[in-house]
PDB file of N, CA and C in Angstrom:
ATOM      1  N   MET A   1     115.490  66.193  90.603  1.00  0.00           N
ATOM      2  CA  MET A   1     114.054  66.331  90.736  1.00  0.00           C
ATOM      3  C   MET A   1     113.508  65.355  91.767  1.00  0.00           C
ATOM      4  N   ASP A   2     114.206  64.216  91.930  1.00  0.00           N
ATOM      5  CA  ASP A   2     113.773  63.251  92.938  1.00  0.00           C
ATOM      6  C   ASP A   2     113.906  63.835  94.335  1.00  0.00           C
ATOM      7  N   LYS A   3     114.974  64.627  94.548  1.00  0.00           N
ATOM      8  CA  LYS A   3     115.153  65.269  95.849  1.00  0.00           C
ATOM      9  C   LYS A   3     114.014  66.239  96.126  1.00  0.00           C
ATOM     10  N   ALA A   4     113.578  66.921  95.095  1.00  0.00           N
ATOM     11  CA  ALA A   4     112.476  67.870  95.258  1.00  0.00           C
ATOM     12  C   ALA A   4     111.200  67.138  95.659  1.00  0.00           C
ATOM     13  N   MET A   5     110.932  66.017  95.015  1.00  0.00           N
ATOM     14  CA  MET A   5     109.732  65.243  95.354  1.00  0.00           C
ATOM     15  C   MET A   5     109.840  64.673  96.767  1.00  0.00           C
ATOM     16  N   GLU A   6     111.054  64.238  97.151  1.00  0.00           N
ATOM     17  CA  GLU A   6     111.252  63.753  98.516  1.00  0.00           C
ATOM     18  C   GLU A   6     110.983  64.865  99.519  1.00  0.00           C
ATOM     19  N   TYR A   7     111.468  66.063  99.206  1.00  0.00           N
ATOM     20  CA  TYR A   7     111.264  67.201 100.098  1.00  0.00           C
ATOM     21  C   TYR A   7     109.777  67.506 100.247  1.00  0.00           C
ATOM     22  N   ILE A   8     109.052  67.510  99.136  1.00  0.00           N
ATOM     23  CA  ILE A   8     107.608  67.777  99.190  1.00  0.00           C
ATOM     24  C   ILE A   8     106.905  66.694  99.997  1.00  0.00           C
ATOM     25  N   ASP A   9     107.295  65.434  99.797  1.00  0.00           N
ATOM     26  CA  ASP A   9     106.670  64.339 100.539  1.00  0.00           C
ATOM     27  C   ASP A   9     106.950  64.448 102.037  1.00  0.00           C
ATOM     28  N   LYS A  10     108.200  64.801 102.403  1.00  0.00           N
ATOM     29  CA  LYS A  10     108.542  64.959 103.819  1.00  0.00           C
ATOM     30  C   LYS A  10     107.774  66.122 104.434  1.00  0.00           C
ATOM     31  N   LEU A  11     107.702  67.213 103.701  1.00  0.00           N
ATOM     32  CA  LEU A  11     106.969  68.374 104.195  1.00  0.00           C
ATOM     33  C   LEU A  11     105.491  68.043 104.356  1.00  0.00           C
ATOM     34  N   ALA A  12     104.944  67.316 103.401  1.00  0.00           N
ATOM     35  CA  ALA A  12     103.534  66.923 103.476  1.00  0.00           C
ATOM     36  C   ALA A  12     103.297  65.985 104.656  1.00  0.00           C
ATOM     37  N   ALA A  13     104.244  65.065 104.898  1.00  0.00           N
ATOM     38  CA  ALA A  13     104.098  64.133 106.015  1.00  0.00           C
ATOM     39  C   ALA A  13     104.131  64.881 107.347  1.00  0.00           C
ATOM     40  N   LYS A  14     105.018  65.872 107.459  1.00  0.00           N
ATOM     41  CA  LYS A  14     105.094  66.653 108.699  1.00  0.00           C
ATOM     42  C   LYS A  14     103.817  67.453 108.926  1.00  0.00           C
ATOM     43  N   LEU A  15     103.246  67.956 107.862  1.00  0.00           N
ATOM     44  CA  LEU A  15     102.024  68.751 107.985  1.00  0.00           C
ATOM     45  C   LEU A  15     100.768  67.890 108.037  1.00  0.00           C
ATOM     46  N   GLY A  16     100.903  66.623 107.664  1.00  0.00           N
ATOM     47  CA  GLY A  16      99.760  65.720 107.676  1.00  0.00           C
ATOM     48  C   GLY A  16      98.779  65.961 106.542  1.00  0.00           C
ATOM     49  N   VAL A  17      99.300  66.406 105.404  1.00  0.00           N
ATOM     50  CA  VAL A  17      98.443  66.652 104.238  1.00  0.00           C
ATOM     51  C   VAL A  17      99.046  65.939 103.029  1.00  0.00           C
ATOM     52  N   ALA A  18      98.312  65.950 101.931  1.00  0.00           N
ATOM     53  CA  ALA A  18      98.801  65.326 100.700  1.00  0.00           C
ATOM     54  C   ALA A  18      99.876  66.203 100.061  1.00  0.00           C
ATOM     55  N   ALA A  19     100.794  65.561  99.356  1.00  0.00           N
ATOM     56  CA  ALA A  19     101.895  66.289  98.717  1.00  0.00           C
ATOM     57  C   ALA A  19     101.381  67.278  97.680  1.00  0.00           C
ATOM     58  N   GLU A  20     100.300  66.927  96.998  1.00  0.00           N
ATOM     59  CA  GLU A  20      99.735  67.831  95.996  1.00  0.00           C
ATOM     60  C   GLU A  20      99.248  69.124  96.644  1.00  0.00           C
ATOM     61  N   HIS A  21      98.745  68.994  97.872  1.00  0.00           N
ATOM     62  CA  HIS A  21      98.274  70.177  98.597  1.00  0.00           C
ATOM     63  C   HIS A  21      99.443  71.110  98.920  1.00  0.00           C
ATOM     64  N   VAL A  22     100.572  70.539  99.326  1.00  0.00           N
ATOM     65  CA  VAL A  22     101.756  71.346  99.641  1.00  0.00           C
ATOM     66  C   VAL A  22     102.222  72.088  98.400  1.00  0.00           C
ATOM     67  N   TYR A  23     102.294  71.405  97.296  1.00  0.00           N
ATOM     68  CA  TYR A  23     102.734  72.050  96.052  1.00  0.00           C
ATOM     69  C   TYR A  23     101.759  73.149  95.639  1.00  0.00           C
ATOM     70  N   GLY A  24     100.466  72.885  95.788  1.00  0.00           N
ATOM     71  CA  GLY A  24      99.459  73.899  95.462  1.00  0.00           C
ATOM     72  C   GLY A  24      99.596  75.142  96.324  1.00  0.00           C
ATOM     73  N   VAL A  25      99.887  74.932  97.594  1.00  0.00           N
ATOM     74  CA  VAL A  25     100.082  76.066  98.500  1.00  0.00           C
ATOM     75  C   VAL A  25     101.330  76.847  98.103  1.00  0.00           C
ATOM     76  N   LEU A  26     102.398  76.151  97.754  1.00  0.00           N
ATOM     77  CA  LEU A  26     103.624  76.834  97.327  1.00  0.00           C
ATOM     78  C   LEU A  26     103.392  77.651  96.057  1.00  0.00           C
ATOM     79  N   VAL A  27     102.605  77.124  95.141  1.00  0.00           N
ATOM     80  CA  VAL A  27     102.300  77.851  93.906  1.00  0.00           C
ATOM     81  C   VAL A  27     101.488  79.106  94.221  1.00  0.00           C
ATOM     82  N   LYS A  28     100.468  78.970  95.071  1.00  0.00           N
ATOM     83  CA  LYS A  28      99.653  80.133  95.443  1.00  0.00           C
ATOM     84  C   LYS A  28     100.496  81.174  96.176  1.00  0.00           C
ATOM     85  N   GLN A  29     101.431  80.706  97.004  1.00  0.00           N
ATOM     86  CA  GLN A  29     102.286  81.631  97.744  1.00  0.00           C
ATOM     87  C   GLN A  29     103.165  82.447  96.802  1.00  0.00           C
ATOM     88  N   GLN A  30     103.583  81.858  95.697  1.00  0.00           N
ATOM     89  CA  GLN A  30     104.388  82.608  94.727  1.00  0.00           C
ATOM     90  C   GLN A  30     103.575  83.726  94.090  1.00  0.00           C
ATOM     91  N   ILE A  31     102.302  83.476  93.837  1.00  0.00           N
ATOM     92  CA  ILE A  31     101.430  84.520  93.287  1.00  0.00           C
ATOM     93  C   ILE A  31     101.298  85.660  94.293  1.00  0.00           C
ATOM     94  N   VAL A  32     101.108  85.299  95.566  1.00  0.00           N
ATOM     95  CA  VAL A  32     100.993  86.315  96.616  1.00  0.00           C
ATOM     96  C   VAL A  32     102.296  87.097  96.747  1.00  0.00           C
ATOM     97  N   ASN A  33     103.426  86.397  96.741  1.00  0.00           N
ATOM     98  CA  ASN A  33     104.721  87.079  96.836  1.00  0.00           C
ATOM     99  C   ASN A  33     104.920  88.051  95.679  1.00  0.00           C
ATOM    100  N   GLY A  34     104.559  87.632  94.489  1.00  0.00           N
ATOM    101  CA  GLY A  34     104.694  88.509  93.327  1.00  0.00           C
ATOM    102  C   GLY A  34     103.813  89.739  93.430  1.00  0.00           C
ATOM    103  N   ALA A  35     102.569  89.542  93.852  1.00  0.00           N
ATOM    104  CA  ALA A  35     101.642  90.674  93.982  1.00  0.00           C
ATOM    105  C   ALA A  35     102.112  91.644  95.054  1.00  0.00           C
ATOM    106  N   ILE A  36     102.574  91.118  96.181  1.00  0.00           N
ATOM    107  CA  ILE A  36     103.068  91.988  97.249  1.00  0.00           C
ATOM    108  C   ILE A  36     104.287  92.768  96.783  1.00  0.00           C
ATOM    109  N   GLY A  37     105.183  92.117  96.065  1.00  0.00           N
ATOM    110  CA  GLY A  37     106.369  92.809  95.562  1.00  0.00           C
ATOM    111  C   GLY A  37     106.029  93.938  94.610  1.00  0.00           C
ATOM    112  N   VAL A  38     105.136  93.663  93.671  1.00  0.00           N
ATOM    113  CA  VAL A  38     104.766  94.682  92.674  1.00  0.00           C
ATOM    114  C   VAL A  38     103.999  95.825  93.329  1.00  0.00           C
ATOM    115  N   VAL A  39     102.960  95.493  94.084  1.00  0.00           N
ATOM    116  CA  VAL A  39     102.129  96.531  94.701  1.00  0.00           C
ATOM    117  C   VAL A  39     102.927  97.330  95.727  1.00  0.00           C
ATOM    118  N   GLY A  40     103.728  96.649  96.528  1.00  0.00           N
ATOM    119  CA  GLY A  40     104.532  97.345  97.533  1.00  0.00           C
ATOM    120  C   GLY A  40     105.541  98.297  96.922  1.00  0.00           C
ATOM    121  N   THR A  41     106.185  97.874  95.858  1.00  0.00           N
ATOM    122  CA  THR A  41     107.167  98.729  95.201  1.00  0.00           C
ATOM    123  C   THR A  41     106.501  99.937  94.556  1.00  0.00           C
ATOM    124  N   ILE A  42     105.393  99.713  93.881  1.00  0.00           N
ATOM    125  CA  ILE A  42     104.681 100.833  93.253  1.00  0.00           C
ATOM    126  C   ILE A  42     104.163 101.801  94.315  1.00  0.00           C
ATOM    127  N   ALA A  43     103.635 101.268  95.417  1.00  0.00           N
ATOM    128  CA  ALA A  43     103.142 102.129  96.497  1.00  0.00           C
ATOM    129  C   ALA A  43     104.278 102.948  97.104  1.00  0.00           C
ATOM    130  N   ALA A  44     105.437 102.325  97.293  1.00  0.00           N
ATOM    131  CA  ALA A  44     106.584 103.054  97.839  1.00  0.00           C
ATOM    132  C   ALA A  44     107.041 104.151  96.889  1.00  0.00           C
ATOM    133  N   LEU A  45     107.066 103.854  95.594  1.00  0.00           N
ATOM    134  CA  LEU A  45     107.455 104.874  94.612  1.00  0.00           C
ATOM    135  C   LEU A  45     106.481 106.050  94.617  1.00  0.00           C
ATOM    136  N   ILE A  46     105.200 105.758  94.660  1.00  0.00           N
ATOM    137  CA  ILE A  46     104.198 106.832  94.672  1.00  0.00           C
ATOM    138  C   ILE A  46     104.314 107.657  95.950  1.00  0.00           C
ATOM    139  N   PHE A  47     104.399 106.989  97.095  1.00  0.00           N
ATOM    140  CA  PHE A  47     104.491 107.692  98.375  1.00  0.00           C
ATOM    141  C   PHE A  47     105.734 108.572  98.441  1.00  0.00           C
ATOM    142  N   LEU A  48     106.885 107.998  98.123  1.00  0.00           N
ATOM    143  CA  LEU A  48     108.123 108.781  98.176  1.00  0.00           C
ATOM    144  C   LEU A  48     108.116 109.911  97.155  1.00  0.00           C
ATOM    145  N   GLY A  49     107.534 109.673  95.994  1.00  0.00           N
ATOM    146  CA  GLY A  49     107.448 110.724  94.981  1.00  0.00           C
ATOM    147  C   GLY A  49     106.604 111.897  95.444  1.00  0.00           C
ATOM    148  N   ILE A  50     105.471 111.602  96.076  1.00  0.00           N
ATOM    149  CA  ILE A  50     104.598 112.667  96.580  1.00  0.00           C
ATOM    150  C   ILE A  50     105.287 113.443  97.698  1.00  0.00           C
ATOM    151  N   VAL A  51     105.884 112.724  98.646  1.00  0.00           N
ATOM    152  CA  VAL A  51     106.573 113.391  99.757  1.00  0.00           C
ATOM    153  C   VAL A  51     107.721 114.243  99.235  1.00  0.00           C
ATOM    154  N   PHE A  52     108.490 113.715  98.305  1.00  0.00           N
ATOM    155  CA  PHE A  52     109.638 114.446  97.757  1.00  0.00           C
ATOM    156  C   PHE A  52     109.193 115.734  97.065  1.00  0.00           C
ATOM    157  N   THR A  53     108.155 115.655  96.238  1.00  0.00           N
ATOM    158  CA  THR A  53     107.706 116.862  95.526  1.00  0.00           C
ATOM    159  C   THR A  53     107.132 117.891  96.488  1.00  0.00           C
ATOM    160  N   LYS A  54     106.379 117.450  97.490  1.00  0.00           N
ATOM    161  CA  LYS A  54     105.829 118.405  98.458  1.00  0.00           C
ATOM    162  C   LYS A  54     106.943 119.082  99.245  1.00  0.00           C
ATOM    163  N   LEU A  55     107.948 118.316  99.649  1.00  0.00           N
ATOM    164  CA  LEU A  55     109.066 118.915 100.381  1.00  0.00           C
ATOM    165  C   LEU A  55     109.824 119.908  99.510  1.00  0.00           C
ATOM    166  N   LEU A  56     110.031 119.570  98.252  1.00  0.00           N
ATOM    167  CA  LEU A  56     110.735 120.494  97.358  1.00  0.00           C
ATOM    168  C   LEU A  56     109.937 121.777  97.142  1.00  0.00           C
ATOM    169  N   LYS A  57     108.633 121.649  96.963  1.00  0.00           N
ATOM    170  CA  LYS A  57     107.799 122.845  96.775  1.00  0.00           C
ATOM    171  C   LYS A  57     107.854 123.748  98.003  1.00  0.00           C
ATOM    172  N   LYS A  58     107.738 123.136  99.196  1.00  0.00           N
ATOM    173  CA  LYS A  58     107.812 123.935 100.421  1.00  0.00           C
ATOM    174  C   LYS A  58     109.195 124.551 100.579  1.00  0.00           C
ATOM    175  N   GLY A  59     110.220 123.810 100.201  1.00  0.00           N
ATOM    176  CA  GLY A  59     111.579 124.345 100.277  1.00  0.00           C
ATOM    177  C   GLY A  59     111.776 125.528  99.353  1.00  0.00           C
ATOM    178  N   ILE A  60     111.232 125.451  98.153  1.00  0.00           N
ATOM    179  CA  ILE A  60     111.349 126.561  97.196  1.00  0.00           C
ATOM    180  C   ILE A  60     110.592 127.783  97.708  1.00  0.00           C
ATOM    181  N   GLU A  61     109.384 127.566  98.253  1.00  0.00           N
ATOM    182  CA  GLU A  61     108.615 128.678  98.817  1.00  0.00           C
ATOM    183  C   GLU A  61     109.347 129.298 100.005  1.00  0.00           C
ATOM    184  N   HIS A  62     109.940 128.457 100.829  1.00  0.00           N
ATOM    185  CA  HIS A  62     110.663 128.932 102.008  1.00  0.00           C
ATOM    186  C   HIS A  62     111.906 129.707 101.602  1.00  0.00           C
ATOM    187  N   ASN A  63     112.564 129.290 100.539  1.00  0.00           N
ATOM    188  CA  ASN A  63     113.774 129.983 100.077  1.00  0.00           C
ATOM    189  C   ASN A  63     113.467 131.371  99.530  1.00  0.00           C
ATOM    190  N   LYS A  64     112.251 131.608  99.077  1.00  0.00           N
ATOM    191  CA  LYS A  64     111.877 132.937  98.586  1.00  0.00           C
ATOM    192  C   LYS A  64     111.784 133.942  99.732  1.00  0.00           C
ATOM    193  N   VAL A  65     111.493 133.449 100.933  1.00  0.00           N
ATOM    194  CA  VAL A  65     111.281 134.314 102.087  1.00  0.00           C
ATOM    195  C   VAL A  65     112.572 134.564 102.863  1.00  0.00           C
ATOM    196  N   ILE A  66     113.431 133.553 102.951  1.00  0.00           N
ATOM    197  CA  ILE A  66     114.622 133.672 103.792  1.00  0.00           C
ATOM    198  C   ILE A  66     115.780 134.281 103.022  1.00  0.00           C
ATOM    199  N   ASP A  67     116.829 134.586 103.761  1.00  0.00           N
ATOM    200  CA  ASP A  67     118.041 135.148 103.177  1.00  0.00           C
ATOM    201  C   ASP A  67     118.689 134.112 102.259  1.00  0.00           C
ATOM    202  N   SER A  68     119.424 134.556 101.292  1.00  0.00           N
ATOM    203  CA  SER A  68     120.007 133.649 100.303  1.00  0.00           C
ATOM    204  C   SER A  68     121.067 132.727 100.897  1.00  0.00           C
ATOM    205  N   PHE A  69     121.610 133.071 102.078  1.00  0.00           N
ATOM    206  CA  PHE A  69     122.644 132.228 102.681  1.00  0.00           C
ATOM    207  C   PHE A  69     122.069 131.190 103.640  1.00  0.00           C
ATOM    208  N   ASP A  70     120.791 131.275 103.928  1.00  0.00           N
ATOM    209  CA  ASP A  70     120.156 130.299 104.807  1.00  0.00           C
ATOM    210  C   ASP A  70     119.702 129.088 103.992  1.00  0.00           C
ATOM    211  N   THR A  71     119.589 127.975 104.690  1.00  0.00           N
ATOM    212  CA  THR A  71     119.127 126.754 104.033  1.00  0.00           C
ATOM    213  C   THR A  71     117.768 126.376 104.598  1.00  0.00           C
ATOM    214  N   SER A  72     116.869 126.035 103.733  1.00  0.00           N
ATOM    215  CA  SER A  72     115.529 125.644 104.149  1.00  0.00           C
ATOM    216  C   SER A  72     115.564 124.253 104.778  1.00  0.00           C
ATOM    217  N   PRO A  73     114.890 124.077 105.915  1.00  0.00           N
ATOM    218  CA  PRO A  73     114.836 122.734 106.502  1.00  0.00           C
ATOM    219  C   PRO A  73     114.099 121.744 105.601  1.00  0.00           C
ATOM    220  N   TYR A  74     113.172 122.249 104.813  1.00  0.00           N
ATOM    221  CA  TYR A  74     112.451 121.372 103.880  1.00  0.00           C
ATOM    222  C   TYR A  74     113.399 120.808 102.822  1.00  0.00           C
ATOM    223  N   THR A  75     114.310 121.660 102.371  1.00  0.00           N
ATOM    224  CA  THR A  75     115.284 121.204 101.377  1.00  0.00           C
ATOM    225  C   THR A  75     116.213 120.160 101.981  1.00  0.00           C
ATOM    226  N   LEU A  76     116.620 120.379 103.240  1.00  0.00           N
ATOM    227  CA  LEU A  76     117.505 119.415 103.899  1.00  0.00           C
ATOM    228  C   LEU A  76     116.820 118.063 104.093  1.00  0.00           C
ATOM    229  N   VAL A  77     115.539 118.081 104.401  1.00  0.00           N
ATOM    230  CA  VAL A  77     114.806 116.826 104.589  1.00  0.00           C
ATOM    231  C   VAL A  77     114.535 116.159 103.244  1.00  0.00           C
ATOM    232  N   SER A  78     114.383 116.955 102.203  1.00  0.00           N
ATOM    233  CA  SER A  78     114.078 116.373 100.893  1.00  0.00           C
ATOM    234  C   SER A  78     115.262 115.606 100.311  1.00  0.00           C
ATOM    235  N   ILE A  79     116.473 115.901 100.762  1.00  0.00           N
ATOM    236  CA  ILE A  79     117.654 115.196 100.226  1.00  0.00           C
ATOM    237  C   ILE A  79     117.608 113.703 100.561  1.00  0.00           C
ATOM    238  N   PRO A  80     117.457 113.301 101.849  1.00  0.00           N
ATOM    239  CA  PRO A  80     117.375 111.852 102.102  1.00  0.00           C
ATOM    240  C   PRO A  80     116.138 111.197 101.489  1.00  0.00           C
ATOM    241  N   VAL A  81     115.036 111.944 101.417  1.00  0.00           N
ATOM    242  CA  VAL A  81     113.835 111.388 100.785  1.00  0.00           C
ATOM    243  C   VAL A  81     114.091 111.166  99.297  1.00  0.00           C
ATOM    244  N   GLY A  82     114.797 112.098  98.667  1.00  0.00           N
ATOM    245  CA  GLY A  82     115.149 111.942  97.254  1.00  0.00           C
ATOM    246  C   GLY A  82     116.085 110.772  97.024  1.00  0.00           C
ATOM    247  N   VAL A  83     117.030 110.581  97.949  1.00  0.00           N
ATOM    248  CA  VAL A  83     117.940 109.433  97.842  1.00  0.00           C
ATOM    249  C   VAL A  83     117.152 108.133  97.985  1.00  0.00           C
ATOM    250  N   ALA A  84     116.239 108.098  98.960  1.00  0.00           N
ATOM    251  CA  ALA A  84     115.404 106.900  99.136  1.00  0.00           C
ATOM    252  C   ALA A  84     114.545 106.645  97.904  1.00  0.00           C
ATOM    253  N   LEU A  85     114.030 107.715  97.308  1.00  0.00           N
ATOM    254  CA  LEU A  85     113.237 107.575  96.082  1.00  0.00           C
ATOM    255  C   LEU A  85     114.095 107.019  94.949  1.00  0.00           C
ATOM    256  N   GLY A  86     115.306 107.511  94.820  1.00  0.00           N
ATOM    257  CA  GLY A  86     116.205 107.018  93.774  1.00  0.00           C
ATOM    258  C   GLY A  86     116.561 105.555  93.957  1.00  0.00           C
ATOM    259  N   ILE A  87     116.867 105.177  95.195  1.00  0.00           N
ATOM    260  CA  ILE A  87     117.204 103.777  95.474  1.00  0.00           C
ATOM    261  C   ILE A  87     115.996 102.882  95.205  1.00  0.00           C
ATOM    262  N   THR A  88     114.817 103.330  95.625  1.00  0.00           N
ATOM    263  CA  THR A  88     113.601 102.552  95.377  1.00  0.00           C
ATOM    264  C   THR A  88     113.333 102.413  93.886  1.00  0.00           C
ATOM    265  N   ALA A  89     113.589 103.472  93.133  1.00  0.00           N
ATOM    266  CA  ALA A  89     113.391 103.405  91.677  1.00  0.00           C
ATOM    267  C   ALA A  89     114.340 102.394  91.048  1.00  0.00           C
ATOM    268  N   ILE A  90     115.587 102.380  91.502  1.00  0.00           N
ATOM    269  CA  ILE A  90     116.561 101.420  90.957  1.00  0.00           C
ATOM    270  C   ILE A  90     116.166  99.997  91.327  1.00  0.00           C
ATOM    271  N   VAL A  91     115.793  99.788  92.591  1.00  0.00           N
ATOM    272  CA  VAL A  91     115.398  98.451  93.043  1.00  0.00           C
ATOM    273  C   VAL A  91     114.140  97.976  92.316  1.00  0.00           C
ATOM    274  N   SER A  92     113.260  98.918  91.968  1.00  0.00           N
ATOM    275  CA  SER A  92     112.015  98.535  91.292  1.00  0.00           C
ATOM    276  C   SER A  92     112.261  97.907  89.927  1.00  0.00           C
ATOM    277  N   PHE A  93     113.393  98.240  89.304  1.00  0.00           N
ATOM    278  CA  PHE A  93     113.710  97.626  88.012  1.00  0.00           C
ATOM    279  C   PHE A  93     113.966  96.125  88.148  1.00  0.00           C
ATOM    280  N   PHE A  94     114.259  95.671  89.356  1.00  0.00           N
ATOM    281  CA  PHE A  94     114.481  94.250  89.593  1.00  0.00           C
ATOM    282  C   PHE A  94     113.261  93.592  90.233  1.00  0.00           C
ATOM    283  N   VAL A  95     112.641  94.285  91.189  1.00  0.00           N
ATOM    284  CA  VAL A  95     111.540  93.692  91.953  1.00  0.00           C
ATOM    285  C   VAL A  95     110.281  93.532  91.109  1.00  0.00           C
ATOM    286  N   ILE A  96     109.930  94.539  90.344  1.00  0.00           N
ATOM    287  CA  ILE A  96     108.676  94.491  89.574  1.00  0.00           C
ATOM    288  C   ILE A  96     108.689  93.384  88.512  1.00  0.00           C
ATOM    289  N   PRO A  97     109.751  93.244  87.701  1.00  0.00           N
ATOM    290  CA  PRO A  97     109.729  92.128  86.726  1.00  0.00           C
ATOM    291  C   PRO A  97     109.680  90.753  87.385  1.00  0.00           C
ATOM    292  N   ILE A  98     110.399  90.581  88.490  1.00  0.00           N
ATOM    293  CA  ILE A  98     110.356  89.292  89.181  1.00  0.00           C
ATOM    294  C   ILE A  98     108.957  89.046  89.733  1.00  0.00           C
ATOM    295  N   GLY A  99     108.343  90.079  90.295  1.00  0.00           N
ATOM    296  CA  GLY A  99     106.984  89.937  90.819  1.00  0.00           C
ATOM    297  C   GLY A  99     105.981  89.585  89.738  1.00  0.00           C
ATOM    298  N   ILE A 100     106.116  90.222  88.587  1.00  0.00           N
ATOM    299  CA  ILE A 100     105.217  89.904  87.468  1.00  0.00           C
ATOM    300  C   ILE A 100     105.435  88.468  87.010  1.00  0.00           C
ATOM    301  N   ASN A 101     106.691  88.047  86.933  1.00  0.00           N
ATOM    302  CA  ASN A 101     106.983  86.660  86.547  1.00  0.00           C
ATOM    303  C   ASN A 101     106.425  85.673  87.564  1.00  0.00           C
ATOM    304  N   GLN A 102     106.488  86.019  88.855  1.00  0.00           N
ATOM    305  CA  GLN A 102     105.932  85.131  89.872  1.00  0.00           C
ATOM    306  C   GLN A 102     104.423  84.988  89.719  1.00  0.00           C
ATOM    307  N   MET A 103     103.760  86.039  89.284  1.00  0.00           N
ATOM    308  CA  MET A 103     102.308  85.950  89.096  1.00  0.00           C
ATOM    309  C   MET A 103     101.954  85.216  87.807  1.00  0.00           C
ATOM    310  N   ILE A 104     102.780  85.356  86.770  1.00  0.00           N
ATOM    311  CA  ILE A 104     102.499  84.710  85.487  1.00  0.00           C
ATOM    312  C   ILE A 104     102.883  83.236  85.516  1.00  0.00           C
ATOM    313  N   ASN A 105     104.033  82.915  86.110  1.00  0.00           N
ATOM    314  CA  ASN A 105     104.540  81.548  86.107  1.00  0.00           C
ATOM    315  C   ASN A 105     104.904  81.119  87.533  1.00  0.00           C
ATOM    316  N   PRO A 106     103.913  80.940  88.403  1.00  0.00           N
ATOM    317  CA  PRO A 106     104.222  80.618  89.799  1.00  0.00           C
ATOM    318  C   PRO A 106     104.815  79.223  89.993  1.00  0.00           C
ATOM    319  N   GLU A 107     104.542  78.303  89.058  1.00  0.00           N
ATOM    320  CA  GLU A 107     105.076  76.947  89.196  1.00  0.00           C
ATOM    321  C   GLU A 107     106.601  76.951  89.160  1.00  0.00           C
ATOM    322  N   TYR A 108     107.171  77.752  88.270  1.00  0.00           N
ATOM    323  CA  TYR A 108     108.629  77.834  88.164  1.00  0.00           C
ATOM    324  C   TYR A 108     109.232  78.299  89.489  1.00  0.00           C
ATOM    325  N   TYR A 109     108.647  79.338  90.065  1.00  0.00           N
ATOM    326  CA  TYR A 109     109.201  79.883  91.300  1.00  0.00           C
ATOM    327  C   TYR A 109     108.948  78.967  92.489  1.00  0.00           C
ATOM    328  N   ALA A 110     107.862  78.185  92.460  1.00  0.00           N
ATOM    329  CA  ALA A 110     107.624  77.202  93.516  1.00  0.00           C
ATOM    330  C   ALA A 110     108.692  76.114  93.464  1.00  0.00           C
ATOM    331  N   ILE A 111     108.976  75.623  92.258  1.00  0.00           N
ATOM    332  CA  ILE A 111     110.025  74.603  92.104  1.00  0.00           C
ATOM    333  C   ILE A 111     111.382  75.186  92.464  1.00  0.00           C
ATOM    334  N   LYS A 112     111.625  76.422  92.056  1.00  0.00           N
ATOM    335  CA  LYS A 112     112.894  77.080  92.375  1.00  0.00           C
ATOM    336  C   LYS A 112     113.061  77.217  93.883  1.00  0.00           C
ATOM    337  N   GLU A 113     111.988  77.557  94.585  1.00  0.00           N
ATOM    338  CA  GLU A 113     112.056  77.681  96.044  1.00  0.00           C
ATOM    339  C   GLU A 113     112.350  76.333  96.691  1.00  0.00           C
ATOM    340  N   ILE A 114     111.727  75.279  96.180  1.00  0.00           N
ATOM    341  CA  ILE A 114     111.980  73.940  96.712  1.00  0.00           C
ATOM    342  C   ILE A 114     113.437  73.562  96.493  1.00  0.00           C
ATOM    343  N   LEU A 115     113.938  73.793  95.284  1.00  0.00           N
ATOM    344  CA  LEU A 115     115.328  73.446  94.990  1.00  0.00           C
ATOM    345  C   LEU A 115     116.298  74.279  95.811  1.00  0.00           C
ATOM    346  N   ASP A 116     115.986  75.553  96.028  1.00  0.00           N
ATOM    347  CA  ASP A 116     116.842  76.389  96.867  1.00  0.00           C
ATOM    348  C   ASP A 116     116.843  75.900  98.311  1.00  0.00           C
ATOM    349  N   THR A 117     115.692  75.414  98.773  1.00  0.00           N
ATOM    350  CA  THR A 117     115.580  74.932 100.145  1.00  0.00           C
ATOM    351  C   THR A 117     116.385  73.660 100.356  1.00  0.00           C
ATOM    352  N   ILE A 118     116.339  72.757  99.395  1.00  0.00           N
ATOM    353  CA  ILE A 118     117.068  71.495  99.565  1.00  0.00           C
ATOM    354  C   ILE A 118     118.500  71.595  99.077  1.00  0.00           C
ATOM    355  N   GLY A 119     118.870  72.735  98.505  1.00  0.00           N
ATOM    356  CA  GLY A 119     120.251  72.936  98.080  1.00  0.00           C
ATOM    357  C   GLY A 119     120.557  72.435  96.695  1.00  0.00           C
ATOM    358  N   GLY A 120     119.560  72.149  95.896  1.00  0.00           N
ATOM    359  CA  GLY A 120     119.789  71.684  94.532  1.00  0.00           C
ATOM    360  C   GLY A 120     120.003  72.831  93.580  1.00  0.00           C
ATOM    361  N   LYS A 121     120.582  72.533  92.448  1.00  0.00           N
ATOM    362  CA  LYS A 121     120.830  73.563  91.426  1.00  0.00           C
ATOM    363  C   LYS A 121     120.004  73.261  90.202  1.00  0.00           C
TER     364      LYS A 121
END
């Protein structure tokens, strides 16, 4: 913990501000990081979900018109979008809880960031 305080003091000296100010900024930054993670992940899930469903609907409509051996371009495009949606859904199980924790307990993540920066465990 002494190394962490030394790091904060050195960082504060370089910036020309009080050490308490540096720690306060790090705590606020954790709240921002958590909010960006949660909102960004939810926005990506919603966007990809809407695009995927629209592509599938157009693909199904297109398949009614074309021959049974042809493939709809909408269906072909929906495959990578569906894969991206699946990967985003899996990643969201990790990103959203961490983001919520960063907003609820930003002090822990500020200290963790300091310790990670100075190489402490």
